[in-house]
Amino acid sequence: MGVRQGAGRHHLSTGSAILKGADTALAFAEYESVRHRLPAARAPAASVRADNLDAIADEFDVFLLDAFGVLNIGETAIPGVVDRVNGLRERGKQVLVVTNAAGYPSSVLHARYKRLGYSFATGDVVSSRMALLNGLNDHAYRTWGMVAAPKFGREELPDGAIFLEDDPDAYARAEGFLMFGASAWSETRQALLEQALIARPRQLLVGNPDLVAPVEAGLSLEPGHYAHRLAAATGIDPVFYGKPFPAIFDLARERIRPGTPDHRVVMVGDTLHTDILGGNAAGFRTALIKGYGFFDGGDPDSAIKISGIVPDFILDRP
């Protein structure tokens, strides 16, 4: 793990796809280094502290829940959250998942939530994969090169798209690039994509803007990390479709009960620069989880002060 210096350079460099321990601080610095590509913050005056979602339930009619760090850590459900979600529904609340898990087909996401004990209907889940695929309607047909894991197959993926692996010819043939998930990505493949974009600039559409995501072993490197590195190295401006950018929140609005005012909707997440900034920019209120995920039991006060991204609520747990 190293720290790179200099304007426009990125701070996380690793031979591993998993970051551990103090790397949370490096991930935060990385998010701050790309703030010029993120939406502007609209901060409340101060955050209200509360124990969990039940403590703020009277304030809201709709809960938009991030997945990693709120519902689960990797393949493990966060204790008590299944009952919490069920309890919110029993009180008449609408609960939707709004996730940057663009690497997973919808069927895989729903199977995971069911396996973890959650009972979300098809219409209850909005993913950045869906936002990116919806965004392809604005682009003429082309042969896309995809940063995606072949093990999940071609479900929902565009016809004729090419999985980017270790063949340089695939990068040369692609007429544009889509970044879904980074689980099968590597530094070798990153170098091939960077070289391809320098040789012939093409569009880069990114489903998952996350730099990292919480898993059992630490923090995994996500597509946003690689996309911002490509932007710095090539001058290409990526188009992002997940949190904190508007496209995913536009899809979420289509699922929210008609007539619900924005101040009765809360975006709940563990990350300031995606969940909180995105919900804030969309006009919703926000709640930061500090007990799991990005901050993992730490105190986010200094990060809030440095970033200027202020949640409406800070919760100990979901």
Protein backbone atom coordinates (compact mmCIF):
# COMPACT_ATOMS: atom_id res chain seq x y z
CA MET A 1 0.00 0.00 0.00
CA GLY A 2 1.45 3.37 -0.96
CA VAL A 3 0.45 7.01 -0.90
CA ARG A 4 1.04 8.86 -4.15
CA GLN A 5 1.69 12.58 -4.18
CA GLY A 6 0.87 15.40 -6.57
CA ALA A 7 -2.14 17.16 -8.04
CA GLY A 8 -4.48 14.92 -9.97
CA ARG A 9 -2.84 11.73 -8.65
CA HIS A 10 -4.66 9.12 -6.64
CA HIS A 11 -3.75 8.03 -3.14
CA LEU A 12 -4.75 4.36 -3.02
CA SER A 13 -2.33 2.00 -4.71
CA THR A 14 -2.31 -1.66 -3.85
CA GLY A 15 -1.50 -5.04 -5.27
CA SER A 16 -4.58 -6.42 -3.51
CA ALA A 17 -8.28 -5.82 -4.12
CA ILE A 18 -8.89 -5.68 -0.35
CA LEU A 19 -7.89 -2.76 1.88
CA LYS A 20 -7.67 -3.16 5.64
CA GLY A 21 -7.43 -1.18 8.87
CA ALA A 22 -6.23 2.39 8.55
CA ASP A 23 -6.93 2.34 4.81
CA THR A 24 -10.33 3.84 5.62
CA ALA A 25 -8.48 7.13 6.13
CA LEU A 26 -6.80 6.73 2.74
CA ALA A 27 -10.15 5.95 1.12
CA PHE A 28 -11.61 9.12 2.63
CA ALA A 29 -8.67 11.14 1.27
CA GLU A 30 -9.24 9.54 -2.12
CA TYR A 31 -12.88 10.62 -2.10
CA GLU A 32 -11.83 14.16 -1.21
CA SER A 33 -9.33 14.19 -4.08
CA VAL A 34 -12.11 13.61 -6.63
CA ARG A 35 -14.63 16.07 -5.18
CA HIS A 36 -14.43 18.17 -8.36
CA ARG A 37 -16.26 15.34 -10.16
CA LEU A 38 -18.96 14.88 -7.49
CA PRO A 39 -22.20 16.83 -6.97
CA ALA A 40 -22.20 19.89 -4.70
CA ALA A 41 -23.18 19.47 -1.06
CA ARG A 42 -26.30 21.05 0.49
CA ALA A 43 -25.58 20.71 4.17
CA PRO A 44 -28.00 21.01 7.10
CA ALA A 45 -26.83 23.18 10.01
CA ALA A 46 -25.98 20.18 12.21
CA SER A 47 -26.55 16.45 12.62
CA VAL A 48 -28.92 14.89 15.14
CA ARG A 49 -27.60 11.78 16.91
CA ALA A 50 -29.86 8.78 17.38
CA ASP A 51 -29.57 5.08 18.13
CA ASN A 52 -31.14 3.46 15.05
CA LEU A 53 -33.77 3.74 12.32
CA ASP A 54 -36.63 3.16 14.77
CA ALA A 55 -35.61 6.31 16.63
CA ILE A 56 -36.20 8.50 13.55
CA ALA A 57 -39.12 6.60 12.01
CA ASP A 58 -41.73 9.22 12.88
CA GLU A 59 -39.82 11.76 10.76
CA PHE A 60 -40.18 9.82 7.49
CA ASP A 61 -42.55 7.96 5.20
CA VAL A 62 -39.91 6.49 2.89
CA PHE A 63 -36.56 4.91 3.74
CA LEU A 64 -33.96 4.51 0.99
CA LEU A 65 -31.42 2.03 2.32
CA ASP A 66 -27.92 1.45 1.02
CA ALA A 67 -27.10 -2.26 1.03
CA PHE A 68 -23.42 -2.76 1.94
CA GLY A 69 -22.90 -1.26 5.38
CA VAL A 70 -26.63 -0.94 6.14
CA LEU A 71 -28.27 -4.27 5.28
CA ASN A 72 -25.17 -6.45 5.10
CA ILE A 73 -21.40 -6.63 5.30
CA GLY A 74 -20.32 -8.84 2.41
CA GLU A 75 -22.41 -12.00 2.63
CA THR A 76 -23.52 -11.45 6.25
CA ALA A 77 -26.67 -9.64 7.35
CA ILE A 78 -26.11 -6.94 9.96
CA PRO A 79 -27.67 -8.20 13.22
CA GLY A 80 -31.18 -6.94 13.88
CA VAL A 81 -31.70 -5.17 10.56
CA VAL A 82 -34.08 -7.77 9.08
CA ASP A 83 -36.42 -7.20 12.03
CA ARG A 84 -35.89 -3.44 11.80
CA VAL A 85 -36.94 -3.36 8.14
CA ASN A 86 -39.98 -5.53 8.85
CA GLY A 87 -40.93 -3.26 11.74
CA LEU A 88 -40.75 -0.16 9.57
CA ARG A 89 -43.07 -1.77 7.04
CA GLU A 90 -45.51 -2.73 9.80
CA ARG A 91 -45.64 0.97 10.68
CA GLY A 92 -46.65 1.78 7.10
CA LYS A 93 -43.24 2.94 5.91
CA GLN A 94 -42.02 2.32 2.38
CA VAL A 95 -38.56 0.74 2.38
CA LEU A 96 -36.48 0.66 -0.81
CA VAL A 97 -32.92 -0.51 -1.42
CA VAL A 98 -30.79 1.97 -3.38
CA THR A 99 -27.48 0.26 -4.09
CA ASN A 100 -24.35 0.84 -6.15
CA ALA A 101 -23.93 -2.92 -6.64
CA ALA A 102 -23.75 -2.60 -10.43
CA GLY A 103 -21.67 -5.75 -10.79
CA TYR A 104 -24.55 -8.03 -9.85
CA PRO A 105 -27.55 -8.97 -12.04
CA SER A 106 -30.90 -8.23 -10.43
CA SER A 107 -31.55 -11.94 -9.92
CA VAL A 108 -28.33 -12.29 -7.92
CA LEU A 109 -29.16 -9.29 -5.74
CA HIS A 110 -32.65 -10.57 -4.95
CA ALA A 111 -31.32 -14.06 -4.20
CA ARG A 112 -28.78 -12.55 -1.80
CA TYR A 113 -31.35 -10.47 0.05
CA LYS A 114 -33.65 -13.48 0.35
CA ARG A 115 -30.79 -15.63 1.61
CA LEU A 116 -29.98 -13.00 4.25
CA GLY A 117 -33.62 -12.96 5.42
CA TYR A 118 -34.92 -9.82 3.70
CA SER A 119 -38.21 -9.84 1.78
CA PHE A 120 -37.77 -7.13 -0.83
CA ALA A 121 -40.03 -7.31 -3.88
CA THR A 122 -38.62 -6.73 -7.35
CA GLY A 123 -39.80 -3.12 -7.34
CA ASP A 124 -38.20 -2.45 -3.96
CA VAL A 125 -34.62 -2.57 -5.27
CA VAL A 126 -33.00 0.17 -7.35
CA SER A 127 -29.43 -0.50 -8.44
CA SER A 128 -26.85 1.56 -10.27
CA ARG A 129 -26.69 -1.31 -12.78
CA MET A 130 -30.31 -0.52 -13.65
CA ALA A 131 -29.47 3.19 -13.90
CA LEU A 132 -26.60 2.54 -16.31
CA LEU A 133 -28.61 0.15 -18.47
CA ASN A 134 -31.42 2.71 -18.58
CA GLY A 135 -28.88 5.35 -19.58
CA LEU A 136 -27.80 3.28 -22.59
CA ASN A 137 -31.12 4.25 -24.19
CA ASP A 138 -29.56 7.67 -24.77
CA HIS A 139 -26.68 6.17 -26.77
CA ALA A 140 -26.68 4.78 -30.28
CA TYR A 141 -25.91 1.06 -30.54
CA ARG A 142 -22.22 0.25 -30.41
CA THR A 143 -19.93 -2.55 -29.37
CA TRP A 144 -19.26 -1.95 -25.70
CA GLY A 145 -16.26 -3.28 -23.81
CA MET A 146 -17.30 -4.25 -20.28
CA VAL A 147 -15.55 -4.23 -16.92
CA ALA A 148 -17.69 -7.02 -15.45
CA ALA A 149 -17.33 -10.52 -14.02
CA PRO A 150 -18.04 -13.21 -16.66
CA LYS A 151 -19.09 -15.62 -13.88
CA PHE A 152 -22.43 -13.77 -13.61
CA GLY A 153 -23.18 -14.37 -17.29
CA ARG A 154 -24.79 -11.93 -19.69
CA GLU A 155 -28.05 -11.31 -17.82
CA GLU A 156 -29.28 -7.74 -18.54
CA LEU A 157 -26.08 -6.86 -20.41
CA PRO A 158 -26.22 -5.24 -23.87
CA ASP A 159 -26.14 -7.44 -26.96
CA GLY A 160 -22.73 -7.78 -28.55
CA ALA A 161 -20.83 -6.38 -25.57
CA ILE A 162 -17.32 -7.75 -24.92
CA PHE A 163 -15.97 -8.81 -21.53
CA LEU A 164 -12.63 -7.08 -21.03
CA GLU A 165 -10.06 -9.58 -19.85
CA ASP A 166 -6.44 -10.03 -20.95
CA ASP A 167 -6.75 -9.81 -24.75
CA PRO A 168 -5.58 -6.35 -25.97
CA ASP A 169 -7.61 -6.81 -29.16
CA ALA A 170 -10.87 -6.63 -27.18
CA TYR A 171 -9.91 -3.18 -25.89
CA ALA A 172 -9.06 -2.03 -29.40
CA ARG A 173 -12.33 -3.33 -30.90
CA ALA A 174 -14.61 -1.77 -28.27
CA GLU A 175 -16.40 1.40 -29.38
CA GLY A 176 -17.01 2.51 -25.78
CA PHE A 177 -16.58 1.16 -22.28
CA LEU A 178 -18.94 0.19 -19.44
CA MET A 179 -17.78 -0.34 -15.86
CA PHE A 180 -20.14 -2.57 -13.85
CA GLY A 181 -18.13 -4.44 -11.20
CA ALA A 182 -14.45 -4.76 -10.35
CA SER A 183 -14.33 -8.22 -8.74
CA ALA A 184 -12.52 -9.67 -11.78
CA TRP A 185 -10.50 -6.54 -12.55
CA SER A 186 -6.72 -6.28 -12.17
CA GLU A 187 -3.88 -3.81 -12.55
CA THR A 188 -2.91 -5.52 -15.81
CA ARG A 189 -6.40 -4.98 -17.22
CA GLN A 190 -6.46 -1.42 -15.89
CA ALA A 191 -3.25 -0.71 -17.82
CA LEU A 192 -4.75 -2.17 -21.01
CA LEU A 193 -7.83 0.04 -20.69
CA GLU A 194 -5.76 3.11 -19.93
CA GLN A 195 -3.58 2.49 -22.99
CA ALA A 196 -6.66 1.93 -25.17
CA LEU A 197 -8.23 5.21 -24.06
CA ILE A 198 -5.02 7.13 -24.66
CA ALA A 199 -4.62 5.59 -28.11
CA ARG A 200 -8.26 6.26 -29.07
CA PRO A 201 -10.49 8.24 -26.66
CA ARG A 202 -13.94 6.71 -26.21
CA GLN A 203 -16.86 7.06 -23.80
CA LEU A 204 -16.53 5.58 -20.32
CA LEU A 205 -19.84 4.91 -18.53
CA VAL A 206 -19.60 3.83 -14.89
CA GLY A 207 -22.36 1.99 -13.03
CA ASN A 208 -20.68 1.98 -9.62
CA PRO A 209 -18.97 5.23 -8.52
CA ASP A 210 -17.88 3.74 -5.17
CA LEU A 211 -14.15 3.83 -4.51
CA VAL A 212 -14.45 1.08 -1.90
CA ALA A 213 -17.12 -1.15 -0.35
CA PRO A 214 -17.21 -2.92 3.04
CA VAL A 215 -16.68 -6.69 2.99
CA GLU A 216 -15.84 -9.11 5.77
CA ALA A 217 -12.07 -8.77 5.25
CA GLY A 218 -11.95 -4.97 5.00
CA LEU A 219 -12.72 -2.67 2.06
CA SER A 220 -12.84 -3.88 -1.54
CA LEU A 221 -11.69 -1.65 -4.40
CA GLU A 222 -14.64 -0.72 -6.60
CA PRO A 223 -15.15 0.64 -10.16
CA GLY A 224 -15.09 4.30 -9.07
CA HIS A 225 -11.51 3.88 -7.88
CA TYR A 226 -10.44 2.66 -11.31
CA ALA A 227 -12.62 5.15 -13.23
CA HIS A 228 -11.15 8.20 -11.47
CA ARG A 229 -7.65 6.88 -12.11
CA LEU A 230 -8.51 6.55 -15.80
CA ALA A 231 -9.88 10.09 -15.86
CA ALA A 232 -6.68 11.46 -14.34
CA ALA A 233 -4.44 9.47 -16.69
CA THR A 234 -6.35 9.99 -19.96
CA GLY A 235 -8.40 13.19 -19.63
CA ILE A 236 -11.59 11.21 -20.33
CA ASP A 237 -14.58 12.42 -18.29
CA PRO A 238 -16.44 9.34 -17.02
CA VAL A 239 -20.24 9.43 -16.87
CA PHE A 240 -21.41 8.05 -13.51
CA TYR A 241 -24.84 6.51 -12.92
CA GLY A 242 -24.80 5.47 -9.24
CA LYS A 243 -24.76 7.37 -5.96
CA PRO A 244 -23.98 10.26 -5.48
CA PHE A 245 -25.02 11.09 -9.07
CA PRO A 246 -28.61 11.86 -10.13
CA ALA A 247 -29.49 8.93 -12.43
CA ILE A 248 -30.00 6.37 -9.66
CA PHE A 249 -32.06 8.81 -7.59
CA ASP A 250 -34.23 9.58 -10.62
CA LEU A 251 -35.04 5.85 -10.80
CA ALA A 252 -35.73 5.76 -7.06
CA ARG A 253 -38.19 8.64 -7.40
CA GLU A 254 -40.20 6.54 -9.85
CA ARG A 255 -40.68 3.95 -7.07
CA ILE A 256 -41.52 6.35 -4.24
CA ARG A 257 -45.20 6.62 -3.41
CA PRO A 258 -46.76 9.52 -5.34
CA GLY A 259 -47.23 12.66 -3.34
CA THR A 260 -44.48 11.97 -0.82
CA PRO A 261 -42.62 15.25 -0.12
CA ASP A 262 -38.82 15.14 -0.27
CA HIS A 263 -38.41 16.01 3.40
CA ARG A 264 -40.28 12.82 4.32
CA VAL A 265 -37.72 10.68 2.45
CA VAL A 266 -34.41 9.68 4.04
CA MET A 267 -31.36 8.20 2.34
CA VAL A 268 -29.55 5.91 4.79
CA GLY A 269 -25.96 4.87 4.18
CA ASP A 270 -22.49 4.38 5.61
CA THR A 271 -20.51 6.62 3.23
CA LEU A 272 -20.44 10.42 3.19
CA HIS A 273 -19.35 10.88 -0.42
CA THR A 274 -21.91 8.52 -1.99
CA ASP A 275 -24.99 7.91 0.18
CA ILE A 276 -25.08 11.17 2.13
CA LEU A 277 -23.86 13.52 -0.59
CA GLY A 278 -26.12 11.83 -3.16
CA GLY A 279 -29.25 11.90 -1.02
CA ASN A 280 -28.48 15.46 -0.05
CA ALA A 281 -28.02 16.59 -3.67
CA ALA A 282 -31.28 14.84 -4.64
CA GLY A 283 -33.16 16.93 -2.07
CA PHE A 284 -33.80 14.15 0.45
CA ARG A 285 -32.79 14.06 4.09
CA THR A 286 -29.97 11.73 5.08
CA ALA A 287 -28.82 9.42 7.87
CA LEU A 288 -25.23 8.20 8.27
CA ILE A 289 -24.59 4.80 9.87
CA LYS A 290 -21.40 4.97 11.93
CA GLY A 291 -21.41 1.54 13.56
CA TYR A 292 -20.93 -0.53 10.40
CA GLY A 293 -19.40 -0.17 6.98
CA PHE A 294 -17.09 2.71 6.10
CA PHE A 295 -16.64 4.13 9.60
CA ASP A 296 -17.10 0.78 11.37
CA GLY A 297 -17.67 2.01 14.91
CA GLY A 298 -15.48 5.10 14.61
CA ASP A 299 -16.54 8.70 15.00
CA PRO A 300 -17.17 10.45 11.66
CA ASP A 301 -17.08 14.00 13.10
CA SER A 302 -13.68 14.93 11.68
CA ALA A 303 -14.59 13.52 8.26
CA ILE A 304 -17.80 15.55 8.27
CA LYS A 305 -15.92 18.70 9.23
CA ILE A 306 -13.24 18.21 6.57
CA SER A 307 -15.63 17.29 3.76
CA GLY A 308 -18.49 19.65 4.59
CA ILE A 309 -20.87 16.76 3.86
CA VAL A 310 -23.26 16.89 6.80
CA PRO A 311 -25.96 14.22 7.33
CA ASP A 312 -29.25 15.15 8.95
CA PHE A 313 -28.81 12.22 11.36
CA ILE A 314 -25.93 10.12 12.63
CA LEU A 315 -27.06 6.67 13.78
CA ASP A 316 -25.09 4.19 15.87
CA ARG A 317 -26.57 1.30 13.86
CA PRO A 318 -29.24 0.74 11.18
